[in-house]
Amino acid sequence: MNLTRSLIRVRRRSAFLASVFAALAALLLTPTALAQQSLPSIEQLVNEPFLDDYYSNVVYGYQIVNDTQHFASRYVGNALNCKNCHLNSGTKADALPLNVAGMYPKWRAKNGKRNGIGLRIRECFVYSMDGIMPPDDAPEVLAIAAYVTYLSQGEVMGAEPEGRGVPTLPATGYDPNPANGRAVYLEQCASCHGEQGGGVGDMPPVWGMNSYNRGAGMNRIDEAAGFIWANMPLGQDKSLTHQQAFDVAAYLNLQYRPADPRQSKFLKLLEDLLP
């Protein structure tokens, strides 16, 4: 009898402890983790035979980000895809991740107005993709906005997600040196992007008429340096020094690329007429 009572007490105690640990685990889960528990993966969505309007747009947005040349070709003017800057389909921290829906609308000095996520996407086509601005109700814009919203599930509204944008590198005490940048580029970058910057295979061009224009964020030395240091060479994140990243960014900044459409609309027209 005593043994039976002892076993009952042990079982009750174990059940109680299990319930306590379950409650603690629930309390410790972040909003992001809770959201991700019920969020279907892209792989699941792609394999679904039928999707509602929101998730079908999420999948379409994912396809545009990964193959912009095919799925949004009418608004693209170069050879880039969104994923070339927004690495891992926009999910990699410090590589311009796309989980930023909660930060919009927000003021943007570049165009001097309060931007919604739709306008932010439309302007990417103008600068990074060196193309034309889609209308605000273009299916491509709505789809990318849906995908950005999907990636932003669980983020805090109004707060910057961890790993947003690219790192801001500290000053090194030396000016960016394009000559040193060229040497680093030829040694570390040319195998993927080509000695003349035109890209190799599926690797993107980093200068020339098929690359981003001078109005793109990546044309700023500080932003390019942060991206290069955090993500390049591909698969060797943060292997360059900060100074090497600044030097490579300065070298890229000197190369020929399409004009900023805000500063030279006539030149932009001539570029579009070139064979």
Protein backbone atom coordinates (compact mmCIF):
# COMPACT_ATOMS: atom_id res chain seq x y z
CA MET A 1 0.00 0.00 0.00
CA ASN A 2 2.79 2.43 0.93
CA LEU A 3 4.58 1.64 -2.34
CA THR A 4 1.42 2.38 -4.33
CA ARG A 5 0.94 5.72 -2.58
CA SER A 6 4.56 6.65 -3.25
CA LEU A 7 4.18 5.87 -6.94
CA ILE A 8 1.03 8.01 -7.14
CA ARG A 9 2.86 10.92 -5.48
CA VAL A 10 5.78 10.58 -7.92
CA ARG A 11 3.43 10.57 -10.90
CA ARG A 12 1.53 13.60 -9.64
CA ARG A 13 4.76 15.45 -8.98
CA SER A 14 6.07 14.58 -12.46
CA ALA A 15 2.83 15.73 -14.06
CA PHE A 16 2.95 18.97 -12.08
CA LEU A 17 6.57 19.65 -13.05
CA ALA A 18 5.79 18.90 -16.70
CA SER A 19 2.94 21.45 -16.65
CA VAL A 20 5.20 24.05 -15.01
CA PHE A 21 7.93 23.54 -17.60
CA ALA A 22 5.38 23.78 -20.41
CA ALA A 23 4.08 27.08 -19.01
CA LEU A 24 7.61 28.44 -18.66
CA ALA A 25 8.42 27.43 -22.24
CA ALA A 26 5.34 29.26 -23.47
CA LEU A 27 6.32 32.38 -21.51
CA LEU A 28 9.86 32.28 -22.86
CA LEU A 29 8.80 32.05 -26.49
CA THR A 30 9.28 35.37 -28.25
CA PRO A 31 6.48 36.81 -30.42
CA THR A 32 8.57 35.90 -33.46
CA ALA A 33 8.92 32.29 -32.33
CA LEU A 34 5.18 32.06 -31.62
CA ALA A 35 4.37 33.47 -35.06
CA GLN A 36 6.80 31.14 -36.77
CA GLN A 37 5.21 28.12 -35.09
CA SER A 38 2.02 28.61 -37.10
CA LEU A 39 3.58 30.13 -40.21
CA PRO A 40 3.74 27.76 -43.18
CA SER A 41 7.10 27.59 -44.90
CA ILE A 42 7.58 28.70 -48.48
CA GLU A 43 8.23 25.07 -49.41
CA GLN A 44 4.85 24.09 -47.95
CA LEU A 45 3.10 26.92 -49.77
CA VAL A 46 4.70 26.09 -53.10
CA ASN A 47 3.51 22.49 -52.81
CA GLU A 48 -0.07 23.36 -51.86
CA PRO A 49 -2.60 22.55 -54.61
CA PHE A 50 -4.68 25.62 -53.71
CA LEU A 51 -3.82 28.87 -51.91
CA ASP A 52 -5.91 31.82 -50.80
CA ASP A 53 -5.24 35.27 -52.26
CA TYR A 54 -2.72 36.28 -49.60
CA TYR A 55 -0.56 33.17 -49.75
CA SER A 56 -0.70 32.99 -53.53
CA ASN A 57 0.73 36.53 -53.55
CA VAL A 58 3.37 35.50 -51.00
CA VAL A 59 4.54 32.72 -53.34
CA TYR A 60 4.49 35.07 -56.34
CA GLY A 61 6.52 37.64 -54.39
CA TYR A 62 9.02 34.94 -53.45
CA GLN A 63 9.33 34.00 -57.11
CA ILE A 64 9.89 37.63 -58.13
CA VAL A 65 12.61 38.11 -55.50
CA ASN A 66 14.45 35.02 -56.74
CA ASP A 67 13.91 35.41 -60.49
CA THR A 68 13.07 39.04 -61.14
CA GLN A 69 14.27 38.72 -64.72
CA HIS A 70 11.45 36.30 -65.47
CA PHE A 71 8.61 37.25 -63.12
CA ALA A 72 8.91 41.06 -63.26
CA SER A 73 10.77 41.59 -66.54
CA ARG A 74 8.58 44.45 -67.77
CA TYR A 75 9.91 46.76 -65.04
CA VAL A 76 13.58 45.64 -65.05
CA GLY A 77 16.34 47.40 -67.00
CA ASN A 78 19.45 45.42 -66.05
CA ALA A 79 20.54 41.81 -65.44
CA LEU A 80 19.99 41.71 -61.68
CA ASN A 81 17.52 39.83 -59.50
CA CYS A 82 16.30 41.08 -56.11
CA LYS A 83 18.09 38.17 -54.42
CA ASN A 84 21.46 39.52 -55.57
CA CYS A 85 21.29 42.15 -52.85
CA HIS A 86 18.63 40.60 -50.57
CA LEU A 87 20.53 37.37 -49.98
CA ASN A 88 18.89 34.02 -49.24
CA SER A 89 15.61 35.25 -50.69
CA GLY A 90 15.64 38.22 -48.34
CA THR A 91 16.10 36.22 -45.13
CA LYS A 92 19.82 36.73 -44.36
CA ALA A 93 20.65 39.16 -41.57
CA ASP A 94 23.06 41.99 -42.51
CA ALA A 95 22.27 41.35 -46.19
CA LEU A 96 19.32 43.72 -46.62
CA PRO A 97 16.73 41.28 -45.20
CA LEU A 98 13.12 41.91 -46.20
CA ASN A 99 11.41 41.41 -42.82
CA VAL A 100 10.82 45.17 -42.55
CA ALA A 101 7.07 45.66 -43.12
CA GLY A 102 6.58 46.89 -39.55
CA MET A 103 8.88 49.87 -40.17
CA TYR A 104 6.61 51.38 -42.83
CA PRO A 105 5.34 53.96 -43.52
CA LYS A 106 8.46 55.99 -42.71
CA TRP A 107 10.16 59.16 -43.89
CA ARG A 108 12.83 58.70 -46.56
CA ALA A 109 15.26 61.48 -47.31
CA LYS A 110 15.98 60.08 -50.78
CA ASN A 111 12.60 61.15 -52.13
CA GLY A 112 11.63 63.60 -49.39
CA LYS A 113 8.37 61.96 -48.40
CA ARG A 114 6.78 59.44 -46.12
CA ASN A 115 7.08 56.08 -47.88
CA GLY A 116 4.75 53.13 -47.61
CA ILE A 117 6.14 49.69 -48.35
CA GLY A 118 4.64 49.84 -51.85
CA LEU A 119 6.53 53.00 -52.84
CA ARG A 120 9.73 51.60 -51.36
CA ILE A 121 9.38 48.52 -53.57
CA ARG A 122 8.52 50.57 -56.66
CA GLU A 123 11.62 52.72 -56.26
CA CYS A 124 13.84 49.63 -56.09
CA PHE A 125 12.85 48.95 -59.68
CA VAL A 126 13.96 52.46 -60.65
CA TYR A 127 17.37 52.40 -58.96
CA SER A 128 18.65 48.93 -58.07
CA MET A 129 16.97 47.32 -61.09
CA ASP A 130 17.65 50.36 -63.34
CA GLY A 131 14.15 49.99 -64.74
CA ILE A 132 10.88 51.88 -64.67
CA MET A 133 8.59 52.48 -61.73
CA PRO A 134 5.60 50.13 -61.66
CA PRO A 135 2.17 51.58 -60.81
CA ASP A 136 1.22 51.23 -57.16
CA ASP A 137 -1.36 48.55 -57.95
CA ALA A 138 0.90 46.46 -60.20
CA PRO A 139 0.59 42.73 -59.40
CA GLU A 140 4.37 42.55 -58.97
CA VAL A 141 4.34 45.27 -56.31
CA LEU A 142 1.44 43.72 -54.42
CA ALA A 143 3.12 40.31 -54.50
CA ILE A 144 6.47 41.56 -53.18
CA ALA A 145 4.62 43.49 -50.47
CA ALA A 146 2.82 40.27 -49.47
CA TYR A 147 6.14 38.39 -49.31
CA VAL A 148 7.71 41.18 -47.21
CA THR A 149 4.71 41.02 -44.87
CA TYR A 150 5.05 37.24 -44.64
CA LEU A 151 8.74 37.53 -43.68
CA SER A 152 7.87 40.23 -41.13
CA GLN A 153 5.45 38.05 -39.16
CA GLY A 154 6.18 38.36 -35.45
CA GLU A 155 8.38 41.47 -35.70
CA VAL A 156 7.60 44.43 -33.45
CA MET A 157 5.74 47.22 -35.23
CA GLY A 158 7.85 50.36 -35.54
CA ALA A 159 11.06 48.65 -34.40
CA GLU A 160 14.08 47.79 -36.52
CA PRO A 161 14.42 44.01 -36.89
CA GLU A 162 17.72 42.52 -35.79
CA GLY A 163 20.18 42.43 -38.68
CA ARG A 164 18.27 45.00 -40.72
CA GLY A 165 20.06 46.54 -43.70
CA VAL A 166 23.82 46.13 -43.67
CA PRO A 167 26.34 46.81 -40.89
CA THR A 168 27.73 50.32 -40.52
CA LEU A 169 31.47 49.81 -40.42
CA PRO A 170 33.56 51.89 -38.02
CA ALA A 171 36.03 54.41 -39.38
CA THR A 172 39.42 52.83 -39.96
CA GLY A 173 41.46 56.03 -39.87
CA TYR A 174 42.24 55.74 -43.57
CA ASP A 175 40.37 56.93 -46.65
CA PRO A 176 38.95 54.25 -48.96
CA ASN A 177 41.65 53.39 -51.50
CA PRO A 178 40.36 52.34 -54.95
CA ALA A 179 43.79 51.09 -56.09
CA ASN A 180 44.01 48.71 -53.14
CA GLY A 181 40.35 47.86 -53.75
CA ARG A 182 41.15 46.79 -57.31
CA ALA A 183 43.84 44.40 -56.05
CA VAL A 184 41.45 42.89 -53.49
CA TYR A 185 38.69 42.67 -56.11
CA LEU A 186 40.88 40.81 -58.60
CA GLU A 187 42.03 38.38 -55.92
CA GLN A 188 38.79 37.82 -54.01
CA CYS A 189 35.86 38.86 -56.23
CA ALA A 190 36.71 38.49 -59.91
CA SER A 191 36.17 34.72 -59.99
CA CYS A 192 32.44 35.33 -59.42
CA HIS A 193 31.88 38.82 -60.83
CA GLY A 194 34.46 38.87 -63.63
CA GLU A 195 37.53 41.02 -64.10
CA GLN A 196 35.38 43.55 -65.98
CA GLY A 197 32.55 43.38 -63.41
CA GLY A 198 30.04 41.79 -65.78
CA GLY A 199 29.30 38.72 -63.68
CA VAL A 200 30.17 35.05 -64.27
CA GLY A 201 27.39 32.53 -64.89
CA ASP A 202 24.60 33.21 -62.41
CA MET A 203 26.72 35.67 -60.44
CA PRO A 204 25.53 39.28 -60.82
CA PRO A 205 27.31 42.12 -62.62
CA VAL A 206 28.69 44.74 -60.23
CA TRP A 207 29.27 47.45 -62.80
CA GLY A 208 28.47 48.20 -66.42
CA MET A 209 25.11 48.74 -68.12
CA ASN A 210 23.65 45.52 -66.68
CA SER A 211 24.26 46.54 -63.07
CA TYR A 212 22.56 48.92 -60.62
CA ASN A 213 22.59 52.62 -61.44
CA ARG A 214 24.18 55.54 -59.60
CA GLY A 215 20.98 56.24 -57.72
CA ALA A 216 20.96 52.83 -56.01
CA GLY A 217 21.86 52.49 -52.36
CA MET A 218 24.66 50.10 -53.23
CA ASN A 219 26.38 52.94 -55.09
CA ARG A 220 27.11 54.57 -51.71
CA ILE A 221 30.55 53.54 -50.46
CA ASP A 222 29.47 53.08 -46.83
CA GLU A 223 26.53 50.84 -47.72
CA ALA A 224 28.48 48.80 -50.24
CA ALA A 225 31.34 48.37 -47.76
CA GLY A 226 28.97 47.08 -45.06
CA PHE A 227 27.42 44.61 -47.49
CA ILE A 228 30.79 43.44 -48.83
CA TRP A 229 32.32 42.95 -45.37
CA ALA A 230 29.30 41.08 -43.97
CA ASN A 231 28.65 38.84 -46.98
CA MET A 232 31.55 38.61 -49.42
CA PRO A 233 33.23 36.60 -50.79
CA LEU A 234 30.16 34.38 -50.91
CA GLY A 235 30.37 31.78 -48.17
CA GLN A 236 33.27 33.58 -46.48
CA ASP A 237 31.38 36.22 -44.50
CA LYS A 238 33.50 38.78 -42.65
CA SER A 239 36.77 37.39 -43.94
CA LEU A 240 37.86 40.78 -45.34
CA THR A 241 39.06 43.57 -43.09
CA HIS A 242 36.95 46.70 -42.76
CA GLN A 243 39.56 48.62 -44.75
CA GLN A 244 39.51 46.05 -47.56
CA ALA A 245 35.72 46.34 -47.72
CA PHE A 246 35.93 50.14 -47.95
CA ASP A 247 38.61 49.87 -50.63
CA VAL A 248 36.60 47.45 -52.78
CA ALA A 249 33.50 49.63 -52.41
CA ALA A 250 35.50 52.67 -53.55
CA TYR A 251 36.82 50.74 -56.55
CA LEU A 252 33.29 49.68 -57.56
CA ASN A 253 32.08 53.23 -57.08
CA LEU A 254 34.51 54.49 -59.73
CA GLN A 255 33.36 52.08 -62.41
CA TYR A 256 30.98 52.89 -65.23
CA ARG A 257 27.31 52.19 -64.60
CA PRO A 258 23.92 53.65 -65.60
CA ALA A 259 23.25 57.23 -64.54
CA ASP A 260 21.07 58.28 -61.60
CA PRO A 261 17.70 58.98 -63.26
CA ARG A 262 17.07 61.87 -60.85
CA GLN A 263 20.11 63.75 -62.13
CA SER A 264 20.27 63.00 -65.84
CA LYS A 265 16.91 62.15 -67.39
CA PHE A 266 18.21 62.95 -70.88
CA LEU A 267 21.22 60.67 -70.42
CA LYS A 268 18.87 58.03 -69.07
CA LEU A 269 16.81 58.31 -72.28
CA LEU A 270 19.93 57.94 -74.42
CA GLU A 271 20.98 54.85 -72.45
CA ASP A 272 17.61 53.27 -73.06
CA LEU A 273 18.00 53.87 -76.82
CA LEU A 274 21.43 52.25 -76.98
CA PRO A 275 21.49 48.79 -78.66
